[in-house]
């Protein structure tokens, strides 16, 4: 997922760019959005049963691993609408876009910022306060595609939206982070330590929420705090069926300027809605008359 923010009229931040490695148990489709693929001569073998074998409390994590590594191959081609509300220190921006998911690849089009359409061939990011992609796969898949990189721990049983859930903490140490990257406001590229939580339905292991938070040095990066979450739900795609899909994502980032000056925070809430079957369209162009 990629977050692009504009703060105080001139400061732009590439919030989190998660760089996907090759999805070993998936199809060979290109990675979503601006994620990039790294390939190795011999792909690592992912054994999802290892989590539960080492700790019975991680049985649901093993089930989620199996689901995640085949997630994109099981999704149909569809389109959806995306509405983002970005609250900054002095303004609120509303961005809408159409998301097209086809053959494992996510694309955005028909972008409208505060009611003003962005030209299809124009510089989409020139005045963009916020944009996101990746909730349709990489955010979940990246948890498992590098064996042994991320550590999971059961924390508690709870309820979420009235459903019994098991809550797990996960930890990606800095020395094992080869795939999640932050581009900070000063142009530096970092692969820091990450922590997060998963809310899994207790009966099935179905993911309901994922939360990610990097550990960054505010004086080094200008980022005082940063958090991203995504909510998933069984969602109807018209004329196709019901699938586990993102319904909402939220991110908050707070920035610090020179000499420790607080620049404020930006909170972004994205809602995904109106899922429909993707139907390719074509247009017949009349042949030029023969002289």
Protein backbone atom coordinates (compact mmCIF):
# COMPACT_ATOMS: atom_id res chain seq x y z
CA UNK A 1 0.00 0.00 0.00
CA UNK A 2 1.22 3.46 -0.74
CA UNK A 3 0.20 6.58 1.08
CA UNK A 4 0.98 9.98 -0.39
CA UNK A 5 0.28 12.97 1.85
CA UNK A 6 0.65 16.70 1.52
CA UNK A 7 1.01 18.73 4.68
CA UNK A 8 1.21 22.51 5.17
CA UNK A 9 0.76 23.02 1.43
CA UNK A 10 4.21 21.84 0.39
CA UNK A 11 5.48 18.88 2.37
CA UNK A 12 4.85 15.51 0.72
CA UNK A 13 5.40 12.17 2.38
CA UNK A 14 5.42 8.72 0.89
CA UNK A 15 3.91 7.06 3.94
CA UNK A 16 4.56 3.35 3.61
CA UNK A 17 5.72 1.61 0.46
CA UNK A 18 5.61 -2.09 1.01
CA UNK A 19 7.96 -3.72 -1.46
CA UNK A 20 6.64 -7.16 -2.27
CA UNK A 21 8.92 -10.09 -2.87
CA UNK A 22 7.79 -12.80 -5.26
CA UNK A 23 4.60 -14.47 -4.06
CA UNK A 24 5.80 -18.04 -3.99
CA UNK A 25 2.47 -19.82 -3.72
CA UNK A 26 0.55 -17.56 -6.06
CA UNK A 27 0.18 -17.10 -9.75
CA UNK A 28 2.87 -15.29 -11.70
CA UNK A 29 0.89 -12.07 -12.12
CA UNK A 30 2.75 -8.81 -11.74
CA UNK A 31 2.76 -7.35 -8.21
CA UNK A 32 0.02 -4.93 -7.29
CA UNK A 33 0.44 -1.22 -7.83
CA UNK A 34 3.90 0.16 -7.31
CA UNK A 35 5.19 -2.86 -5.45
CA UNK A 36 8.27 -4.41 -6.99
CA UNK A 37 9.22 -8.06 -7.19
CA UNK A 38 12.49 -9.53 -6.05
CA UNK A 39 13.28 -13.00 -7.33
CA UNK A 40 15.78 -15.58 -6.21
CA UNK A 41 17.29 -18.54 -8.04
CA UNK A 42 15.64 -21.05 -5.70
CA UNK A 43 12.36 -19.91 -4.07
CA UNK A 44 12.06 -20.59 -0.36
CA UNK A 45 9.60 -23.25 0.71
CA UNK A 46 6.74 -21.93 2.83
CA UNK A 47 5.39 -24.44 5.34
CA UNK A 48 2.34 -22.83 6.93
CA UNK A 49 1.97 -25.70 9.40
CA UNK A 50 5.17 -24.67 11.15
CA UNK A 51 3.41 -21.99 13.19
CA UNK A 52 0.93 -24.40 14.82
CA UNK A 53 3.56 -27.16 15.13
CA UNK A 54 5.78 -24.90 17.22
CA UNK A 55 2.94 -23.37 19.25
CA UNK A 56 -0.65 -24.75 19.28
CA UNK A 57 -1.93 -21.24 20.05
CA UNK A 58 -0.81 -20.24 16.54
CA UNK A 59 -3.17 -22.68 14.79
CA UNK A 60 -5.23 -19.79 13.40
CA UNK A 61 -2.05 -18.15 12.07
CA UNK A 62 -1.27 -21.37 10.16
CA UNK A 63 -4.76 -21.27 8.65
CA UNK A 64 -4.36 -17.62 7.71
CA UNK A 65 -1.00 -18.39 6.08
CA UNK A 66 -2.58 -21.00 3.80
CA UNK A 67 -5.35 -18.59 2.88
CA UNK A 68 -3.01 -15.64 2.29
CA UNK A 69 -0.66 -17.45 -0.08
CA UNK A 70 -3.51 -18.30 -2.44
CA UNK A 71 -5.57 -15.17 -1.85
CA UNK A 72 -5.07 -13.40 -5.16
CA UNK A 73 -5.60 -16.54 -7.23
CA UNK A 74 -9.07 -16.98 -5.71
CA UNK A 75 -10.34 -13.43 -6.18
CA UNK A 76 -12.46 -12.70 -9.25
CA UNK A 77 -11.87 -9.78 -11.59
CA UNK A 78 -13.89 -6.87 -10.23
CA UNK A 79 -14.22 -3.12 -9.95
CA UNK A 80 -14.94 -1.16 -6.77
CA UNK A 81 -15.28 2.41 -5.66
CA UNK A 82 -12.81 3.93 -3.22
CA UNK A 83 -13.59 7.04 -1.15
CA UNK A 84 -10.87 8.59 0.98
CA UNK A 85 -11.31 11.40 3.49
CA UNK A 86 -8.04 13.02 4.53
CA UNK A 87 -8.08 15.24 7.62
CA UNK A 88 -5.03 17.51 8.02
CA UNK A 89 -4.15 20.26 10.48
CA UNK A 90 -6.00 22.90 8.47
CA UNK A 91 -8.03 21.19 5.74
CA UNK A 92 -10.05 18.17 4.71
CA UNK A 93 -9.67 16.56 1.31
CA UNK A 94 -12.01 13.99 -0.26
CA UNK A 95 -10.67 11.72 -3.00
CA UNK A 96 -12.67 9.19 -4.98
CA UNK A 97 -11.39 6.64 -7.46
CA UNK A 98 -12.38 3.47 -9.24
CA UNK A 99 -10.33 0.39 -8.38
CA UNK A 100 -10.01 -2.27 -11.06
CA UNK A 101 -8.73 -5.65 -9.93
CA UNK A 102 -7.92 -7.91 -12.86
CA UNK A 103 -5.73 -11.02 -12.97
CA UNK A 104 -4.16 -10.20 -9.62
CA UNK A 105 -3.26 -6.62 -10.52
CA UNK A 106 -4.85 -3.57 -8.88
CA UNK A 107 -5.19 -0.29 -10.78
CA UNK A 108 -6.83 3.06 -10.04
CA UNK A 109 -8.70 5.30 -12.47
CA UNK A 110 -11.30 8.07 -12.58
CA UNK A 111 -9.61 9.90 -9.72
CA UNK A 112 -11.52 12.93 -8.41
CA UNK A 113 -10.06 15.27 -5.79
CA UNK A 114 -12.52 17.55 -3.99
CA UNK A 115 -14.95 17.19 -6.89
CA UNK A 116 -12.37 17.97 -9.58
CA UNK A 117 -11.48 15.10 -11.96
CA UNK A 118 -7.81 14.36 -12.48
CA UNK A 119 -7.00 14.09 -16.23
CA UNK A 120 -6.32 10.44 -17.18
CA UNK A 121 -2.93 11.33 -18.69
CA UNK A 122 -2.13 14.07 -16.23
CA UNK A 123 0.34 13.91 -13.31
CA UNK A 124 -1.95 12.12 -10.86
CA UNK A 125 0.33 12.67 -7.88
CA UNK A 126 1.12 16.33 -8.55
CA UNK A 127 -1.43 17.69 -6.08
CA UNK A 128 -2.43 14.47 -4.41
CA UNK A 129 -2.91 14.50 -0.70
CA UNK A 130 -3.50 10.79 -0.31
CA UNK A 131 -3.62 7.65 -2.38
CA UNK A 132 -3.52 4.00 -1.46
CA UNK A 133 -3.20 0.59 -3.06
CA UNK A 134 -2.27 -2.88 -1.92
CA UNK A 135 -5.10 -3.71 0.46
CA UNK A 136 -6.18 -6.33 -2.11
CA UNK A 137 -3.28 -8.66 -1.41
CA UNK A 138 0.24 -7.47 -0.49
CA UNK A 139 -0.65 -6.14 2.96
CA UNK A 140 -1.73 -9.63 3.97
CA UNK A 141 0.51 -11.76 1.77
CA UNK A 142 3.75 -10.05 2.87
CA UNK A 143 3.26 -11.48 6.36
CA UNK A 144 4.14 -14.98 5.17
CA UNK A 145 6.10 -14.94 1.93
CA UNK A 146 9.52 -14.73 3.59
CA UNK A 147 9.72 -17.77 5.89
CA UNK A 148 10.87 -17.00 9.42
CA UNK A 149 10.98 -13.23 8.96
CA UNK A 150 7.92 -12.31 11.00
CA UNK A 151 7.34 -13.65 14.51
CA UNK A 152 3.77 -14.19 15.78
CA UNK A 153 2.53 -14.31 19.39
CA UNK A 154 -0.97 -14.99 20.70
CA UNK A 155 -2.06 -12.18 23.03
CA UNK A 156 -5.73 -12.60 23.96
CA UNK A 157 -9.26 -13.56 23.01
CA UNK A 158 -11.58 -10.63 22.35
CA UNK A 159 -14.57 -9.50 20.28
CA UNK A 160 -14.56 -7.30 17.19
CA UNK A 161 -17.80 -6.03 15.68
CA UNK A 162 -19.61 -8.55 17.82
CA UNK A 163 -17.55 -11.52 16.56
CA UNK A 164 -15.29 -13.65 18.81
CA UNK A 165 -11.69 -13.11 17.69
CA UNK A 166 -8.19 -14.14 18.65
CA UNK A 167 -5.69 -11.28 18.71
CA UNK A 168 -2.09 -11.87 17.68
CA UNK A 169 0.93 -9.60 17.80
CA UNK A 170 3.54 -9.83 15.07
CA UNK A 171 7.08 -8.51 14.95
CA UNK A 172 9.42 -7.96 12.01
CA UNK A 173 12.94 -7.28 13.35
CA UNK A 174 14.99 -4.72 11.47
CA UNK A 175 17.69 -7.28 10.60
CA UNK A 176 15.08 -9.51 8.89
CA UNK A 177 13.21 -6.77 7.07
CA UNK A 178 13.98 -7.15 3.39
CA UNK A 179 10.55 -6.19 2.01
CA UNK A 180 8.78 -3.39 3.96
CA UNK A 181 10.24 0.02 3.16
CA UNK A 182 9.52 3.56 4.33
CA UNK A 183 10.38 6.62 2.28
CA UNK A 184 10.51 9.43 4.81
CA UNK A 185 9.85 13.17 4.20
CA UNK A 186 13.57 13.82 3.77
CA UNK A 187 13.92 11.38 0.88
CA UNK A 188 15.62 8.60 2.82
CA UNK A 189 14.72 4.96 2.22
CA UNK A 190 14.51 2.88 5.38
CA UNK A 191 13.72 -0.72 6.29
CA UNK A 192 12.98 -0.38 10.00
CA UNK A 193 11.56 -2.71 12.58
CA UNK A 194 7.79 -3.23 12.32
CA UNK A 195 5.18 -4.36 14.84
CA UNK A 196 1.51 -5.03 14.37
CA UNK A 197 -1.61 -6.93 15.34
CA UNK A 198 -4.02 -9.35 13.67
CA UNK A 199 -7.64 -9.92 14.65
CA UNK A 200 -8.66 -13.40 13.44
CA UNK A 201 -12.12 -14.91 13.66
CA UNK A 202 -11.83 -17.55 16.36
CA UNK A 203 -13.81 -20.23 14.51
CA UNK A 204 -12.12 -20.07 11.11
CA UNK A 205 -8.97 -17.94 11.29
CA UNK A 206 -10.50 -15.49 8.80
CA UNK A 207 -8.77 -12.13 9.08
CA UNK A 208 -10.93 -9.24 10.25
CA UNK A 209 -8.33 -6.55 10.91
CA UNK A 210 -4.63 -5.97 10.35
CA UNK A 211 -2.66 -3.16 11.98
CA UNK A 212 0.93 -2.17 11.15
CA UNK A 213 3.21 0.26 12.97
CA UNK A 214 6.90 0.87 12.16
CA UNK A 215 9.48 1.81 14.76
CA UNK A 216 11.17 4.96 13.48
CA UNK A 217 13.50 7.57 14.96
CA UNK A 218 11.68 10.91 14.83
CA UNK A 219 14.92 12.92 14.73
CA UNK A 220 16.24 10.80 11.87
CA UNK A 221 13.07 10.59 9.78
CA UNK A 222 10.87 13.53 10.77
CA UNK A 223 8.10 11.03 11.53
CA UNK A 224 6.97 11.08 15.16
CA UNK A 225 4.34 8.38 14.81
CA UNK A 226 2.77 6.29 12.06
CA UNK A 227 0.08 3.61 11.97
CA UNK A 228 -1.93 1.82 9.30
CA UNK A 229 -4.90 -0.53 9.70
CA UNK A 230 -7.22 -2.36 7.34
CA UNK A 231 -10.58 -4.01 8.03
CA UNK A 232 -11.74 -7.04 6.02
CA UNK A 233 -15.21 -8.53 5.66
CA UNK A 234 -17.10 -11.08 3.59
CA UNK A 235 -18.36 -8.80 0.82
CA UNK A 236 -20.69 -9.35 -2.11
CA UNK A 237 -19.33 -8.74 -5.59
CA UNK A 238 -22.38 -8.24 -7.81
CA UNK A 239 -23.00 -11.08 -10.29
CA UNK A 240 -20.03 -13.10 -8.95
CA UNK A 241 -20.40 -14.08 -5.29
CA UNK A 242 -19.12 -13.25 -1.81
CA UNK A 243 -15.41 -12.90 -1.00
CA UNK A 244 -13.18 -11.69 1.80
CA UNK A 245 -12.30 -8.14 0.77
CA UNK A 246 -11.10 -4.90 2.35
CA UNK A 247 -13.92 -2.59 3.40
CA UNK A 248 -11.96 0.13 5.18
CA UNK A 249 -8.41 1.28 5.80
CA UNK A 250 -7.12 4.04 8.06
CA UNK A 251 -3.71 5.64 8.44
CA UNK A 252 -2.33 8.34 10.68
CA UNK A 253 1.05 9.99 10.40
CA UNK A 254 2.49 12.79 12.55
CA UNK A 255 5.50 14.82 11.41
CA UNK A 256 8.22 16.87 13.02
CA UNK A 257 10.15 19.68 11.36
CA UNK A 258 13.47 21.27 12.06
CA UNK A 259 14.45 21.85 15.69
CA UNK A 260 11.63 19.59 16.79
CA UNK A 261 8.78 21.77 15.56
CA UNK A 262 5.54 19.76 15.42
CA UNK A 263 4.02 19.95 11.96
CA UNK A 264 0.83 18.15 12.90
CA UNK A 265 -0.86 14.93 11.90
CA UNK A 266 -2.84 13.71 8.93
CA UNK A 267 -5.52 11.07 9.33
CA UNK A 268 -6.85 9.24 6.28
CA UNK A 269 -9.89 6.99 6.15
CA UNK A 270 -10.60 4.99 3.00
CA UNK A 271 -13.85 3.12 2.40
CA UNK A 272 -14.17 0.50 -0.35
CA UNK A 273 -17.70 0.01 -1.65
CA UNK A 274 -19.91 -0.94 -4.61
CA UNK A 275 -18.01 -4.05 -5.65
CA UNK A 276 -19.07 -5.28 -9.09
CA UNK A 277 -17.97 -7.90 -11.59
CA UNK A 278 -15.38 -6.65 -14.06
CA UNK A 279 -16.66 -6.76 -17.61
CA UNK A 280 -14.30 -5.92 -20.45
CA UNK A 281 -15.80 -3.52 -22.94
CA UNK A 282 -14.87 -2.91 -26.54
CA UNK A 283 -15.79 -0.32 -29.14
CA UNK A 284 -16.21 -1.01 -32.84
CA UNK A 285 -14.59 1.71 -34.89
CA UNK A 286 -16.13 2.12 -38.40
CA UNK A 287 -13.68 1.50 -41.20
CA UNK A 288 -12.58 4.49 -43.21
CA UNK A 289 -14.50 4.72 -46.49
CA UNK A 290 -12.61 3.42 -49.47
CA UNK A 291 -11.78 6.23 -51.90
